[in-house]
């Protein structure tokens, strides 16, 4: 009974880890292709709509499940904001998100029912059912948060290059709007995330929104602190009539200095962080290798001599 329970728990844990890895590193690319790709450059507006290619059975089932889920307007607004921060702007992303939540919850419930037979304690069975069902329901939340964190990191690392290119374009005679369009086009291959965001800014301004409002929407979509600082710098420079190119150059230098300082800070913390692994893992192994033969020889020869002499 104990062996069967251990094997079942191991299979369940391996399945959850495999599903998390699949959804984190493989599935989002396919979901993005089916839910609608992000805008690569402002000239192409077809990226806002999902492609018309054939859908798989799983995706179709997930969408149908998501359509049946009753969602309040507040939850829909919050989920849409999270999905936009993760890079999913299609209208079908909400249905797919809640469809996956319901599907994984059902899978967790079914797996818990199968494992309940190996638990003799009824309270433990109830805990397993509730825990696995809740884990299946909240697993997409953790996946989306992970995707948001990774995307914000990519945007933060690409901002200095985008700022340098903005400064070059503006010093070459382009206005801020044209410079943003040029940066969105030039960074499409190297930094697609910031290119998508700048493309959306250009698209919003072309559809009649003010530049200040479009830039604020950029900060709200990404949710990245460095992007918010950049937007605040651009808005202030535009509002007070100062040189935008000079302000962007100063902000770019500040970001590079700050990145260098963060790297130095992390390097300085390495020695402190290595104390615990060295003390608990490396030092015991070294002690066993260094003192192990002597201790074995001591038990083998000295203790028998002491007993014989006594």
Protein backbone atom coordinates (compact mmCIF):
# COMPACT_ATOMS: atom_id res chain seq x y z
CA UNK A 1 0.00 0.00 0.00
CA UNK A 2 2.78 2.42 0.92
CA UNK A 3 4.73 1.56 -2.23
CA UNK A 4 1.67 2.12 -4.41
CA UNK A 5 0.98 5.46 -2.74
CA UNK A 6 4.59 6.55 -3.22
CA UNK A 7 4.55 5.51 -6.88
CA UNK A 8 1.26 7.32 -7.46
CA UNK A 9 2.56 10.48 -5.80
CA UNK A 10 5.76 10.30 -7.87
CA UNK A 11 3.81 9.89 -11.12
CA UNK A 12 1.53 12.79 -10.19
CA UNK A 13 4.45 15.05 -9.31
CA UNK A 14 6.29 14.14 -12.51
CA UNK A 15 3.15 14.83 -14.53
CA UNK A 16 2.67 18.25 -12.93
CA UNK A 17 6.30 19.21 -13.50
CA UNK A 18 6.13 18.00 -17.10
CA UNK A 19 2.89 19.91 -17.71
CA UNK A 20 4.36 23.07 -16.21
CA UNK A 21 7.44 22.79 -18.42
CA UNK A 22 5.32 22.10 -21.50
CA UNK A 23 3.04 25.06 -20.84
CA UNK A 24 5.95 27.36 -19.97
CA UNK A 25 8.36 26.60 -22.81
CA UNK A 26 6.40 25.00 -25.65
CA UNK A 27 2.67 25.61 -25.44
CA UNK A 28 2.65 29.45 -25.21
CA UNK A 29 4.17 29.73 -28.67
CA UNK A 30 1.40 27.59 -30.13
CA UNK A 31 -1.26 29.42 -28.14
CA UNK A 32 0.08 32.73 -29.42
CA UNK A 33 -0.16 31.49 -32.98
CA UNK A 34 -3.77 30.41 -32.49
CA UNK A 35 -5.01 33.24 -30.28
CA UNK A 36 -3.46 35.99 -32.36
CA UNK A 37 0.11 37.09 -32.71
CA UNK A 38 1.34 40.40 -31.35
CA UNK A 39 1.96 43.39 -33.54
CA UNK A 40 5.38 43.20 -35.14
CA UNK A 41 5.32 46.62 -36.75
CA UNK A 42 2.69 49.37 -36.95
CA UNK A 43 2.03 48.86 -40.64
CA UNK A 44 0.54 45.41 -40.03
CA UNK A 45 -2.72 45.50 -38.13
CA UNK A 46 -3.80 41.95 -38.82
CA UNK A 47 -1.95 40.78 -35.71
CA UNK A 48 -4.82 41.96 -33.54
CA UNK A 49 -7.08 39.25 -34.94
CA UNK A 50 -6.52 35.51 -34.53
CA UNK A 51 -5.38 33.59 -37.60
CA UNK A 52 -7.79 31.55 -39.65
CA UNK A 53 -5.73 28.38 -39.59
CA UNK A 54 -7.09 25.03 -38.46
CA UNK A 55 -7.44 24.54 -34.73
CA UNK A 56 -6.64 21.40 -32.88
CA UNK A 57 -9.23 19.46 -30.93
CA UNK A 58 -7.73 20.49 -27.60
CA UNK A 59 -7.76 24.21 -28.42
CA UNK A 60 -11.33 24.02 -29.69
CA UNK A 61 -12.43 22.18 -26.56
CA UNK A 62 -10.65 24.71 -24.34
CA UNK A 63 -12.35 27.60 -26.12
CA UNK A 64 -15.77 25.99 -25.79
CA UNK A 65 -15.21 25.36 -22.09
CA UNK A 66 -14.06 28.95 -21.61
CA UNK A 67 -17.18 30.28 -23.33
CA UNK A 68 -19.40 28.45 -20.83
CA UNK A 69 -17.61 29.78 -17.74
CA UNK A 70 -19.58 32.58 -16.02
CA UNK A 71 -17.15 35.47 -15.54
CA UNK A 72 -17.88 38.75 -13.82
CA UNK A 73 -16.82 42.00 -15.52
CA UNK A 74 -14.30 42.69 -12.76
CA UNK A 75 -12.63 39.28 -13.18
CA UNK A 76 -12.65 39.70 -16.96
CA UNK A 77 -10.97 43.08 -16.71
CA UNK A 78 -8.32 41.81 -14.30
CA UNK A 79 -7.61 38.67 -16.36
CA UNK A 80 -7.39 40.69 -19.57
CA UNK A 81 -4.89 43.03 -17.93
CA UNK A 82 -2.71 40.10 -16.84
CA UNK A 83 -2.88 38.49 -20.26
CA UNK A 84 -1.99 41.75 -22.00
CA UNK A 85 1.01 42.11 -19.69
CA UNK A 86 2.02 38.58 -20.68
CA UNK A 87 1.72 39.46 -24.39
CA UNK A 88 -1.67 37.94 -25.26
CA UNK A 89 -3.98 40.61 -26.67
CA UNK A 90 -6.44 38.53 -28.67
CA UNK A 91 -10.12 38.52 -27.75
CA UNK A 92 -10.03 34.73 -27.49
CA UNK A 93 -7.27 34.79 -24.86
CA UNK A 94 -9.80 35.21 -22.03
CA UNK A 95 -11.78 32.15 -23.11
CA UNK A 96 -8.62 30.09 -23.48
CA UNK A 97 -7.37 31.20 -20.07
CA UNK A 98 -10.52 30.21 -18.19
CA UNK A 99 -10.92 27.12 -20.33
CA UNK A 100 -7.49 25.92 -19.24
CA UNK A 101 -8.34 26.67 -15.62
CA UNK A 102 -11.50 24.55 -15.76
CA UNK A 103 -9.79 21.77 -17.72
CA UNK A 104 -6.82 21.53 -15.34
CA UNK A 105 -9.19 21.65 -12.37
CA UNK A 106 -11.11 18.69 -13.80
CA UNK A 107 -7.86 16.80 -14.44
CA UNK A 108 -6.71 17.47 -10.87
CA UNK A 109 -10.06 16.32 -9.48
CA UNK A 110 -9.97 13.11 -11.53
CA UNK A 111 -6.40 12.38 -10.46
CA UNK A 112 -7.28 12.99 -6.81
CA UNK A 113 -10.20 10.56 -7.05
CA UNK A 114 -7.81 7.90 -8.33
CA UNK A 115 -5.32 8.55 -5.53
CA UNK A 116 -7.98 8.66 -2.84
CA UNK A 117 -8.30 4.89 -2.88
CA UNK A 118 -4.73 4.54 -1.65
CA UNK A 119 -5.36 6.72 1.42
CA UNK A 120 -7.03 4.99 4.36
CA UNK A 121 -7.64 8.20 6.30
CA UNK A 122 -10.86 9.90 5.08
CA UNK A 123 -9.58 13.33 6.11
CA UNK A 124 -6.45 12.79 4.05
CA UNK A 125 -8.58 11.85 1.04
CA UNK A 126 -10.60 15.03 1.35
CA UNK A 127 -7.41 17.07 1.65
CA UNK A 128 -5.97 15.43 -1.46
CA UNK A 129 -9.13 16.09 -3.48
CA UNK A 130 -9.35 19.73 -2.39
CA UNK A 131 -5.63 20.36 -2.83
CA UNK A 132 -5.27 18.84 -6.29
CA UNK A 133 -8.46 20.49 -7.54
CA UNK A 134 -7.33 23.88 -6.27
CA UNK A 135 -3.84 23.31 -7.71
CA UNK A 136 -5.31 22.60 -11.14
CA UNK A 137 -7.47 25.72 -10.96
CA UNK A 138 -4.68 28.08 -9.87
CA UNK A 139 -1.91 26.60 -12.02
CA UNK A 140 -2.66 28.92 -15.00
CA UNK A 141 -2.31 31.90 -12.64
CA UNK A 142 1.25 30.93 -11.76
CA UNK A 143 2.04 30.27 -15.42
CA UNK A 144 0.74 33.69 -16.49
CA UNK A 145 2.64 35.40 -13.67
CA UNK A 146 5.80 33.61 -14.78
CA UNK A 147 5.26 34.73 -18.37
CA UNK A 148 4.68 38.31 -17.21
CA UNK A 149 7.90 38.29 -15.18
CA UNK A 150 9.94 36.93 -18.06
CA UNK A 151 8.46 39.43 -20.52
CA UNK A 152 9.07 42.34 -18.18
CA UNK A 153 12.67 41.22 -17.80
CA UNK A 154 13.13 41.11 -21.57
CA UNK A 155 11.60 44.57 -21.92
CA UNK A 156 13.81 45.96 -19.16
CA UNK A 157 16.96 44.59 -20.78
CA UNK A 158 15.98 45.94 -24.20
CA UNK A 159 15.16 49.47 -23.07
CA UNK A 160 18.73 50.92 -23.26
CA UNK A 161 19.11 49.77 -26.88
CA UNK A 162 15.69 51.17 -27.74
CA UNK A 163 16.55 54.48 -26.10
CA UNK A 164 19.84 54.75 -27.97
CA UNK A 165 18.05 54.12 -31.25
CA UNK A 166 15.39 56.69 -30.32
CA UNK A 167 18.09 59.27 -29.65
CA UNK A 168 19.82 58.52 -32.95
CA UNK A 169 16.53 58.84 -34.86
CA UNK A 170 15.59 62.10 -33.18
CA UNK A 171 19.04 63.61 -33.66
CA UNK A 172 18.78 62.65 -37.34
CA UNK A 173 15.76 64.94 -37.67
CA UNK A 174 12.78 62.70 -36.94
CA UNK A 175 10.02 63.65 -34.54
CA UNK A 176 9.17 61.57 -31.50
CA UNK A 177 6.25 59.82 -33.24
CA UNK A 178 8.32 58.94 -36.30
CA UNK A 179 11.22 57.85 -34.09
CA UNK A 180 8.98 55.46 -32.15
CA UNK A 181 7.75 54.01 -35.44
CA UNK A 182 11.31 53.54 -36.69
CA UNK A 183 12.40 51.86 -33.44
CA UNK A 184 9.41 49.50 -33.58
CA UNK A 185 10.43 48.52 -37.11
CA UNK A 186 14.17 48.16 -36.50
CA UNK A 187 13.92 46.18 -33.25
CA UNK A 188 11.43 43.65 -34.56
CA UNK A 189 13.99 40.82 -34.75
CA UNK A 190 16.35 41.64 -31.88
CA UNK A 191 13.85 42.83 -29.26
CA UNK A 192 10.34 41.78 -30.37
CA UNK A 193 8.64 42.64 -27.06
CA UNK A 194 9.60 46.30 -26.97
CA UNK A 195 8.98 46.45 -30.72
CA UNK A 196 5.43 45.23 -30.18
CA UNK A 197 4.80 47.80 -27.47
CA UNK A 198 6.16 50.68 -29.53
CA UNK A 199 4.12 49.43 -32.47
CA UNK A 200 0.97 49.61 -30.36
CA UNK A 201 1.87 53.14 -29.28
CA UNK A 202 2.17 54.17 -32.92
CA UNK A 203 -1.08 52.43 -33.77
CA UNK A 204 -2.96 54.18 -30.96
CA UNK A 205 -1.62 57.57 -32.01
CA UNK A 206 -2.65 56.90 -35.61
CA UNK A 207 -6.16 56.15 -34.42
CA UNK A 208 -6.52 59.51 -32.75
CA UNK A 209 -5.19 59.09 -29.22
CA UNK A 210 -2.96 61.75 -27.76
CA UNK A 211 0.71 60.95 -27.42
CA UNK A 212 0.57 61.32 -23.63
CA UNK A 213 -2.33 58.88 -23.38
CA UNK A 214 -0.65 56.36 -25.69
CA UNK A 215 2.54 56.48 -23.63
CA UNK A 216 0.59 56.02 -20.40
CA UNK A 217 -1.09 52.99 -21.94
CA UNK A 218 2.37 51.63 -22.73
CA UNK A 219 3.34 51.87 -19.06
CA UNK A 220 0.06 50.27 -17.95
CA UNK A 221 0.35 47.38 -20.43
CA UNK A 222 3.87 46.38 -19.50
CA UNK A 223 3.73 47.09 -15.77
CA UNK A 224 7.54 47.30 -15.74
CA UNK A 225 9.02 49.96 -13.41
CA UNK A 226 11.74 51.04 -15.84
CA UNK A 227 9.17 51.52 -18.58
CA UNK A 228 7.09 53.67 -16.27
CA UNK A 229 10.13 55.84 -15.56
CA UNK A 230 10.84 56.14 -19.28
CA UNK A 231 7.25 57.14 -20.00
CA UNK A 232 7.33 59.72 -17.20
CA UNK A 233 10.57 61.17 -18.62
CA UNK A 234 9.14 61.43 -22.13
CA UNK A 235 5.89 62.99 -20.92
CA UNK A 236 7.67 65.56 -18.77
CA UNK A 237 10.12 66.47 -21.52
CA UNK A 238 7.26 66.86 -24.00
CA UNK A 239 5.11 68.84 -21.56
CA UNK A 240 7.78 71.35 -20.48
CA UNK A 241 9.30 71.76 -23.94
CA UNK A 242 12.77 70.50 -23.09
CA UNK A 243 14.93 68.45 -25.44
CA UNK A 244 13.45 64.95 -25.61
CA UNK A 245 16.59 63.50 -27.20
CA UNK A 246 18.82 64.81 -24.42
CA UNK A 247 16.43 63.55 -21.75
CA UNK A 248 16.35 60.11 -23.36
CA UNK A 249 20.14 60.01 -23.61
CA UNK A 250 20.47 60.89 -19.93
CA UNK A 251 17.90 58.27 -18.98
CA UNK A 252 19.68 55.64 -21.10
CA UNK A 253 23.00 56.37 -19.38
CA UNK A 254 21.28 56.17 -16.02
CA UNK A 255 19.78 52.77 -16.88
CA UNK A 256 23.14 51.38 -18.00
CA UNK A 257 24.85 52.64 -14.83
CA UNK A 258 22.09 51.14 -12.73
CA UNK A 259 22.37 47.80 -14.52
CA UNK A 260 26.12 47.80 -13.87
CA UNK A 261 25.54 48.59 -10.22
CA UNK A 262 23.00 45.77 -9.94
CA UNK A 263 25.51 43.35 -11.47
CA UNK A 264 28.18 44.47 -9.00
CA UNK A 265 25.72 44.11 -6.13
CA UNK A 266 24.85 40.58 -7.17
CA UNK A 267 28.53 39.72 -7.51
CA UNK A 268 29.20 41.05 -4.01
CA UNK A 269 26.41 38.87 -2.59
CA UNK A 270 27.83 35.68 -4.06
CA UNK A 271 30.28 35.16 -1.22
CA UNK A 272 27.59 35.46 1.44
CA UNK A 273 25.19 33.19 -0.46
CA UNK A 274 27.87 30.52 -0.83
CA UNK A 275 28.38 30.21 2.93
CA UNK A 276 25.39 27.96 3.53
CA UNK A 277 25.98 25.57 0.58
CA UNK A 278 29.64 25.29 1.53
CA UNK A 279 28.85 24.67 5.19
CA UNK A 280 26.04 22.16 4.69
CA UNK A 281 27.11 20.34 1.50
CA UNK A 282 30.74 20.89 0.51
CA UNK A 283 32.37 20.94 3.95
CA UNK A 284 30.79 17.63 5.15
CA UNK A 285 31.91 15.93 1.94
CA UNK A 286 35.45 17.26 2.38
CA UNK A 287 35.49 16.13 6.01
CA UNK A 288 34.35 12.65 5.01
CA UNK A 289 37.02 12.40 2.30
CA UNK A 290 39.80 13.83 4.49
CA UNK A 291 39.00 12.28 7.87
CA UNK A 292 37.05 9.20 6.75
CA UNK A 293 40.02 6.81 6.31
CA UNK A 294 41.53 7.86 9.65
CA UNK A 295 38.26 7.37 11.49
CA UNK A 296 37.79 3.94 9.91
CA UNK A 297 41.32 2.95 10.86
CA UNK A 298 40.66 4.19 14.39
CA UNK A 299 37.57 2.03 14.74
CA UNK A 300 39.34 -0.93 13.14
CA UNK A 301 42.57 -0.97 15.19
CA UNK A 302 42.46 1.29 18.24
CA UNK A 303 39.15 0.26 19.75
CA UNK A 304 39.90 -3.51 19.56
CA UNK A 305 43.30 -2.87 21.23
CA UNK A 306 41.58 -0.94 24.02
CA UNK A 307 39.08 -3.72 24.61
CA UNK A 308 41.83 -6.40 24.66
CA UNK A 309 43.97 -4.39 27.05
CA UNK A 310 41.01 -3.90 29.40
